[in-house]
Amino acid sequence: MNARIIELPKITDPRGNLSIIEECRQIPFDIKRVYWLYDIPGGTERGGRALRHTDEFIVALSGSFDVELDDGHSRQVFQLNRSYYGLLVPSGLWRTMVNFSTNALALVLSSTDYSDADYIFDYNEFKNITR
């Protein structure tokens, strides 16, 4: 599994800290799409899908949550709880986001434009593809 946590630049200042993400510098792809998840009710899961061709970079801008990744053979859980750490999620991994704290805000940067054909929503289909 090639997923990994990437530490983002953190510029500290008594007035508040600042972090940055630049395409092809902190993350290894051009950013084609940006979306965010917020107002997530307690106990809710998000994701539950894999992407065929899209890499993503996920940051907890506020609060915390876990990202469960599955490559069809093994699973790994990453906790995101600092706004200067992000998770690089390569294409081909099943992704579920869970354990959202109150007021969690998840930022997701994608390497491709949205395409419904890129998504795999059926876990059994995903398992068959990864064999």
C-alpha atoms as a PDB file:
ATOM      1  CA  MET A   1       0.000   0.000   0.000  1.00  0.00           C
ATOM      2  CA  ASN A   2       1.568   3.292  -1.075  1.00  0.00           C
ATOM      3  CA  ALA A   3      -0.590   5.545   1.091  1.00  0.00           C
ATOM      4  CA  ARG A   4       1.395   7.801   3.381  1.00  0.00           C
ATOM      5  CA  ILE A   5       1.175  10.769   5.688  1.00  0.00           C
ATOM      6  CA  ILE A   6       2.863  13.907   4.338  1.00  0.00           C
ATOM      7  CA  GLU A   7       3.855  16.714   6.674  1.00  0.00           C
ATOM      8  CA  LEU A   8       2.973  20.091   5.233  1.00  0.00           C
ATOM      9  CA  PRO A   9       5.004  23.253   5.758  1.00  0.00           C
ATOM     10  CA  LYS A  10       3.984  24.971   8.979  1.00  0.00           C
ATOM     11  CA  ILE A  11       4.734  28.646   9.453  1.00  0.00           C
ATOM     12  CA  THR A  12       4.262  29.534  13.093  1.00  0.00           C
ATOM     13  CA  ASP A  13       3.281  33.002  14.204  1.00  0.00           C
ATOM     14  CA  PRO A  14       1.909  34.337  17.498  1.00  0.00           C
ATOM     15  CA  ARG A  15      -1.123  35.567  15.530  1.00  0.00           C
ATOM     16  CA  GLY A  16      -1.872  32.052  14.239  1.00  0.00           C
ATOM     17  CA  ASN A  17      -0.180  29.394  12.156  1.00  0.00           C
ATOM     18  CA  LEU A  18      -0.263  28.937   8.389  1.00  0.00           C
ATOM     19  CA  SER A  19       0.262  25.811   6.276  1.00  0.00           C
ATOM     20  CA  ILE A  20       0.350  25.448   2.503  1.00  0.00           C
ATOM     21  CA  ILE A  21      -0.260  22.845  -0.182  1.00  0.00           C
ATOM     22  CA  GLU A  22       1.209  23.388  -3.636  1.00  0.00           C
ATOM     23  CA  GLU A  23       0.583  20.988  -6.491  1.00  0.00           C
ATOM     24  CA  CYS A  24       3.618  18.928  -7.496  1.00  0.00           C
ATOM     25  CA  ARG A  25       5.542  20.154  -4.421  1.00  0.00           C
ATOM     26  CA  GLN A  26       3.924  18.863  -1.253  1.00  0.00           C
ATOM     27  CA  ILE A  27       1.690  16.484  -3.205  1.00  0.00           C
ATOM     28  CA  PRO A  28       2.784  14.536  -6.292  1.00  0.00           C
ATOM     29  CA  PHE A  29      -0.011  15.535  -8.663  1.00  0.00           C
ATOM     30  CA  ASP A  30      -1.737  18.467 -10.330  1.00  0.00           C
ATOM     31  CA  ILE A  31      -4.898  19.440  -8.460  1.00  0.00           C
ATOM     32  CA  LYS A  32      -7.952  19.053 -10.720  1.00  0.00           C
ATOM     33  CA  ARG A  33     -10.714  19.083  -8.094  1.00  0.00           C
ATOM     34  CA  VAL A  34     -11.164  20.240  -4.511  1.00  0.00           C
ATOM     35  CA  TYR A  35     -14.004  19.315  -2.181  1.00  0.00           C
ATOM     36  CA  TRP A  36     -14.637  19.266   1.546  1.00  0.00           C
ATOM     37  CA  LEU A  37     -16.817  17.380   4.012  1.00  0.00           C
ATOM     38  CA  TYR A  38     -18.425  19.132   6.980  1.00  0.00           C
ATOM     39  CA  ASP A  39     -21.441  18.981   9.339  1.00  0.00           C
ATOM     40  CA  ILE A  40     -20.974  15.215   9.534  1.00  0.00           C
ATOM     41  CA  PRO A  41     -23.338  13.648  12.106  1.00  0.00           C
ATOM     42  CA  GLY A  42     -21.734  11.495  14.813  1.00  0.00           C
ATOM     43  CA  GLY A  43     -21.393   7.831  13.883  1.00  0.00           C
ATOM     44  CA  THR A  44     -21.558   8.545  10.147  1.00  0.00           C
ATOM     45  CA  GLU A  45     -19.186   6.885   7.672  1.00  0.00           C
ATOM     46  CA  ARG A  46     -18.120   8.651   4.483  1.00  0.00           C
ATOM     47  CA  GLY A  47     -16.412   7.188   1.451  1.00  0.00           C
ATOM     48  CA  GLY A  48     -17.006   3.467   1.158  1.00  0.00           C
ATOM     49  CA  ARG A  49     -15.568   3.372  -2.320  1.00  0.00           C
ATOM     50  CA  ALA A  50     -12.450   3.076  -4.453  1.00  0.00           C
ATOM     51  CA  LEU A  51     -11.251   5.179  -7.354  1.00  0.00           C
ATOM     52  CA  ARG A  52      -9.771   3.575 -10.466  1.00  0.00           C
ATOM     53  CA  HIS A  53      -7.583   6.482 -11.668  1.00  0.00           C
ATOM     54  CA  THR A  54      -7.746   9.263  -9.094  1.00  0.00           C
ATOM     55  CA  ASP A  55      -5.166  10.005  -6.407  1.00  0.00           C
ATOM     56  CA  GLU A  56      -6.374  12.054  -3.459  1.00  0.00           C
ATOM     57  CA  PHE A  57      -4.825  14.051  -0.644  1.00  0.00           C
ATOM     58  CA  ILE A  58      -6.908  14.373   2.534  1.00  0.00           C
ATOM     59  CA  VAL A  59      -6.377  16.921   5.314  1.00  0.00           C
ATOM     60  CA  ALA A  60      -8.284  17.378   8.579  1.00  0.00           C
ATOM     61  CA  LEU A  61      -8.537  21.165   8.554  1.00  0.00           C
ATOM     62  CA  SER A  62     -10.476  21.058  11.818  1.00  0.00           C
ATOM     63  CA  GLY A  63     -11.229  18.274  14.292  1.00  0.00           C
ATOM     64  CA  SER A  64     -10.250  14.697  13.595  1.00  0.00           C
ATOM     65  CA  PHE A  65     -11.291  11.522  11.790  1.00  0.00           C
ATOM     66  CA  ASP A  66      -9.843   8.183  10.724  1.00  0.00           C
ATOM     67  CA  VAL A  67      -9.259   7.046   7.157  1.00  0.00           C
ATOM     68  CA  GLU A  68      -9.442   3.273   6.700  1.00  0.00           C
ATOM     69  CA  LEU A  69      -7.663   2.052   3.563  1.00  0.00           C
ATOM     70  CA  ASP A  70      -7.903  -1.419   2.045  1.00  0.00           C
ATOM     71  CA  ASP A  71      -5.883  -2.692  -0.924  1.00  0.00           C
ATOM     72  CA  GLY A  72      -7.877  -5.909  -1.212  1.00  0.00           C
ATOM     73  CA  HIS A  73      -5.346  -7.847   0.881  1.00  0.00           C
ATOM     74  CA  SER A  74      -4.635  -5.743   3.965  1.00  0.00           C
ATOM     75  CA  ARG A  75      -6.110  -2.777   5.813  1.00  0.00           C
ATOM     76  CA  GLN A  76      -4.484   0.226   7.377  1.00  0.00           C
ATOM     77  CA  VAL A  77      -5.978   3.030   9.498  1.00  0.00           C
ATOM     78  CA  PHE A  78      -4.642   6.597   9.504  1.00  0.00           C
ATOM     79  CA  GLN A  79      -5.813   9.121  12.071  1.00  0.00           C
ATOM     80  CA  LEU A  80      -5.903  12.688  10.804  1.00  0.00           C
ATOM     81  CA  ASN A  81      -6.017  15.277  13.578  1.00  0.00           C
ATOM     82  CA  ARG A  82      -3.548  18.028  12.654  1.00  0.00           C
ATOM     83  CA  SER A  83      -4.059  20.535   9.852  1.00  0.00           C
ATOM     84  CA  TYR A  84      -0.394  20.341   8.835  1.00  0.00           C
ATOM     85  CA  TYR A  85      -0.519  16.596   8.054  1.00  0.00           C
ATOM     86  CA  GLY A  86      -2.273  15.107   5.050  1.00  0.00           C
ATOM     87  CA  LEU A  87      -2.832  11.596   3.777  1.00  0.00           C
ATOM     88  CA  LEU A  88      -1.869  10.714   0.216  1.00  0.00           C
ATOM     89  CA  VAL A  89      -4.314   8.068  -1.047  1.00  0.00           C
ATOM     90  CA  PRO A  90      -3.265   6.528  -4.374  1.00  0.00           C
ATOM     91  CA  SER A  91      -5.883   5.211  -6.783  1.00  0.00           C
ATOM     92  CA  GLY A  92      -6.980   1.602  -6.414  1.00  0.00           C
ATOM     93  CA  LEU A  93      -7.562   1.622  -2.640  1.00  0.00           C
ATOM     94  CA  TRP A  94     -10.900   1.180  -0.890  1.00  0.00           C
ATOM     95  CA  ARG A  95     -11.425   4.191   1.363  1.00  0.00           C
ATOM     96  CA  THR A  96     -13.753   4.734   4.297  1.00  0.00           C
ATOM     97  CA  MET A  97     -13.689   7.749   6.601  1.00  0.00           C
ATOM     98  CA  VAL A  98     -14.962   7.200  10.170  1.00  0.00           C
ATOM     99  CA  ASN A  99     -14.848   8.521  13.745  1.00  0.00           C
ATOM    100  CA  PHE A 100     -15.499  12.158  12.885  1.00  0.00           C
ATOM    101  CA  SER A 101     -15.159  14.527  15.827  1.00  0.00           C
ATOM    102  CA  THR A 102     -17.607  17.347  16.391  1.00  0.00           C
ATOM    103  CA  ASN A 103     -17.034  20.113  13.823  1.00  0.00           C
ATOM    104  CA  ALA A 104     -14.586  18.030  11.779  1.00  0.00           C
ATOM    105  CA  LEU A 105     -13.705  19.536   8.413  1.00  0.00           C
ATOM    106  CA  ALA A 106     -12.082  17.290   5.792  1.00  0.00           C
ATOM    107  CA  LEU A 107     -10.413  18.829   2.741  1.00  0.00           C
ATOM    108  CA  VAL A 108      -9.863  16.523  -0.252  1.00  0.00           C
ATOM    109  CA  LEU A 109      -7.675  17.379  -3.253  1.00  0.00           C
ATOM    110  CA  SER A 110      -8.057  15.146  -6.328  1.00  0.00           C
ATOM    111  CA  SER A 111      -5.798  14.461  -9.288  1.00  0.00           C
ATOM    112  CA  THR A 112      -8.677  14.175 -11.787  1.00  0.00           C
ATOM    113  CA  ASP A 113     -11.933  15.894 -12.654  1.00  0.00           C
ATOM    114  CA  TYR A 114     -15.065  14.111 -11.437  1.00  0.00           C
ATOM    115  CA  SER A 115     -16.085  11.082 -13.480  1.00  0.00           C
ATOM    116  CA  ASP A 116     -18.759   8.656 -12.314  1.00  0.00           C
ATOM    117  CA  ALA A 117     -16.978   5.866 -14.254  1.00  0.00           C
ATOM    118  CA  ASP A 118     -13.913   6.260 -11.989  1.00  0.00           C
ATOM    119  CA  TYR A 119     -15.828   5.147  -8.867  1.00  0.00           C
ATOM    120  CA  ILE A 120     -16.213   1.599  -7.560  1.00  0.00           C
ATOM    121  CA  PHE A 121     -19.000   1.488  -4.962  1.00  0.00           C
ATOM    122  CA  ASP A 122     -19.358  -2.298  -4.614  1.00  0.00           C
ATOM    123  CA  TYR A 123     -16.764  -3.878  -2.307  1.00  0.00           C
ATOM    124  CA  ASN A 124     -17.124  -7.317  -3.952  1.00  0.00           C
ATOM    125  CA  GLU A 125     -16.390  -5.772  -7.359  1.00  0.00           C
ATOM    126  CA  PHE A 126     -13.357  -4.049  -5.823  1.00  0.00           C
ATOM    127  CA  LYS A 127     -12.130  -7.379  -4.367  1.00  0.00           C
ATOM    128  CA  ASN A 128     -12.514  -9.061  -7.758  1.00  0.00           C
ATOM    129  CA  ILE A 129     -10.506  -6.308  -9.447  1.00  0.00           C
ATOM    130  CA  THR A 130      -7.671  -6.533  -6.891  1.00  0.00           C
ATOM    131  CA  ARG A 131      -7.198 -10.298  -7.367  1.00  0.00           C
END
